[in-house]
Amino acid sequence: MAKKTKTEEVIRGIHLGKKNIYLFLSGIALLIIGYILMAQPPVYGFVSLTLAPIILVFAYLIVFPAAILIKDSDTKK
């Protein structure tokens, strides 16, 4: 068997469980919803100026980091 390189060890060290994948997919869904809401016709309306940016910031700053950082109890060490 060949000797493992350092990058292979790092790649193999990333374990994503079901919870991480569901969080990541919900973040992608929130991004899609946020950008669709931002493109709604009344440009100066509440939805496109206030609600859509709040959803996008929530997805980028909370959901995606949580999907990366939360350790799932299902993953094996």
C-alpha atoms as a PDB file:
ATOM      1  CA  MET A   1       0.000   0.000   0.000  1.00  0.00           C
ATOM      2  CA  ALA A   2       1.278   3.444  -0.918  1.00  0.00           C
ATOM      3  CA  LYS A   3       2.211   5.990   1.693  1.00  0.00           C
ATOM      4  CA  LYS A   4      -0.489   8.603   2.342  1.00  0.00           C
ATOM      5  CA  THR A   5       0.375  12.201   1.649  1.00  0.00           C
ATOM      6  CA  LYS A   6      -0.536  15.037   3.961  1.00  0.00           C
ATOM      7  CA  THR A   7      -3.310  16.330   1.664  1.00  0.00           C
ATOM      8  CA  GLU A   8      -4.918  12.902   1.542  1.00  0.00           C
ATOM      9  CA  GLU A   9      -4.997  12.837   5.326  1.00  0.00           C
ATOM     10  CA  VAL A  10      -6.616  16.267   5.444  1.00  0.00           C
ATOM     11  CA  ILE A  11      -9.223  15.319   2.856  1.00  0.00           C
ATOM     12  CA  ARG A  12      -9.979  12.079   4.656  1.00  0.00           C
ATOM     13  CA  GLY A  13     -10.299  13.999   7.941  1.00  0.00           C
ATOM     14  CA  ILE A  14     -13.425  15.821   6.798  1.00  0.00           C
ATOM     15  CA  HIS A  15     -16.470  13.864   7.875  1.00  0.00           C
ATOM     16  CA  LEU A  16     -19.877  15.205   6.985  1.00  0.00           C
ATOM     17  CA  GLY A  17     -22.942  13.627   8.508  1.00  0.00           C
ATOM     18  CA  LYS A  18     -26.585  13.873   7.576  1.00  0.00           C
ATOM     19  CA  LYS A  19     -27.075  16.962   9.730  1.00  0.00           C
ATOM     20  CA  ASN A  20     -24.248  18.803   7.945  1.00  0.00           C
ATOM     21  CA  ILE A  21     -25.566  17.927   4.515  1.00  0.00           C
ATOM     22  CA  TYR A  22     -29.125  18.990   5.426  1.00  0.00           C
ATOM     23  CA  LEU A  23     -27.820  22.305   6.784  1.00  0.00           C
ATOM     24  CA  PHE A  24     -25.799  22.875   3.631  1.00  0.00           C
ATOM     25  CA  LEU A  25     -28.804  22.100   1.393  1.00  0.00           C
ATOM     26  CA  SER A  26     -31.044  24.379   3.463  1.00  0.00           C
ATOM     27  CA  GLY A  27     -28.429  27.130   3.060  1.00  0.00           C
ATOM     28  CA  ILE A  28     -28.519  26.695  -0.700  1.00  0.00           C
ATOM     29  CA  ALA A  29     -32.333  26.833  -0.606  1.00  0.00           C
ATOM     30  CA  LEU A  30     -32.186  30.037   1.451  1.00  0.00           C
ATOM     31  CA  LEU A  31     -29.785  31.582  -1.067  1.00  0.00           C
ATOM     32  CA  ILE A  32     -32.092  30.744  -3.948  1.00  0.00           C
ATOM     33  CA  ILE A  33     -35.104  32.144  -2.077  1.00  0.00           C
ATOM     34  CA  GLY A  34     -33.183  35.287  -1.117  1.00  0.00           C
ATOM     35  CA  TYR A  35     -32.026  36.044  -4.646  1.00  0.00           C
ATOM     36  CA  ILE A  36     -35.492  35.371  -6.069  1.00  0.00           C
ATOM     37  CA  LEU A  37     -37.024  37.733  -3.510  1.00  0.00           C
ATOM     38  CA  MET A  38     -34.413  40.350  -4.324  1.00  0.00           C
ATOM     39  CA  ALA A  39     -35.429  40.276  -7.986  1.00  0.00           C
ATOM     40  CA  GLN A  40     -39.116  40.993  -7.302  1.00  0.00           C
ATOM     41  CA  PRO A  41     -40.619  43.925  -9.267  1.00  0.00           C
ATOM     42  CA  PRO A  42     -41.137  46.689  -6.707  1.00  0.00           C
ATOM     43  CA  VAL A  43     -37.463  47.596  -6.436  1.00  0.00           C
ATOM     44  CA  TYR A  44     -37.991  49.910  -3.478  1.00  0.00           C
ATOM     45  CA  GLY A  45     -40.347  47.546  -1.639  1.00  0.00           C
ATOM     46  CA  PHE A  46     -39.927  45.858   1.723  1.00  0.00           C
ATOM     47  CA  VAL A  47     -39.242  42.427   0.258  1.00  0.00           C
ATOM     48  CA  SER A  48     -36.399  43.392  -2.069  1.00  0.00           C
ATOM     49  CA  LEU A  49     -34.752  45.974   0.198  1.00  0.00           C
ATOM     50  CA  THR A  50     -35.136  44.432   3.649  1.00  0.00           C
ATOM     51  CA  LEU A  51     -36.306  40.823   3.737  1.00  0.00           C
ATOM     52  CA  ALA A  52     -34.116  39.392   0.950  1.00  0.00           C
ATOM     53  CA  PRO A  53     -30.822  40.805   2.330  1.00  0.00           C
ATOM     54  CA  ILE A  54     -31.685  39.512   5.815  1.00  0.00           C
ATOM     55  CA  ILE A  55     -32.279  36.021   4.403  1.00  0.00           C
ATOM     56  CA  LEU A  56     -29.024  36.158   2.423  1.00  0.00           C
ATOM     57  CA  VAL A  57     -26.954  37.330   5.393  1.00  0.00           C
ATOM     58  CA  PHE A  58     -28.511  34.611   7.549  1.00  0.00           C
ATOM     59  CA  ALA A  59     -27.630  31.968   4.958  1.00  0.00           C
ATOM     60  CA  TYR A  60     -24.054  33.169   4.398  1.00  0.00           C
ATOM     61  CA  LEU A  61     -23.090  34.001   7.986  1.00  0.00           C
ATOM     62  CA  ILE A  62     -25.019  31.451  10.045  1.00  0.00           C
ATOM     63  CA  VAL A  63     -26.225  28.441   8.043  1.00  0.00           C
ATOM     64  CA  PHE A  64     -23.109  27.728   5.954  1.00  0.00           C
ATOM     65  CA  PRO A  65     -20.616  28.062   8.843  1.00  0.00           C
ATOM     66  CA  ALA A  66     -22.907  25.905  10.997  1.00  0.00           C
ATOM     67  CA  ALA A  67     -22.975  23.265   8.268  1.00  0.00           C
ATOM     68  CA  ILE A  68     -19.187  23.209   8.254  1.00  0.00           C
ATOM     69  CA  LEU A  69     -18.449  23.500  11.976  1.00  0.00           C
ATOM     70  CA  ILE A  70     -21.134  21.389  13.667  1.00  0.00           C
ATOM     71  CA  LYS A  71     -19.950  17.902  14.466  1.00  0.00           C
ATOM     72  CA  ASP A  72     -22.539  15.234  13.806  1.00  0.00           C
ATOM     73  CA  SER A  73     -22.805  12.371  16.262  1.00  0.00           C
ATOM     74  CA  ASP A  74     -23.363   9.954  13.344  1.00  0.00           C
ATOM     75  CA  THR A  75     -19.872  10.427  11.919  1.00  0.00           C
ATOM     76  CA  LYS A  76     -17.256   7.924  12.955  1.00  0.00           C
ATOM     77  CA  LYS A  77     -13.805   8.966  14.080  1.00  0.00           C
END
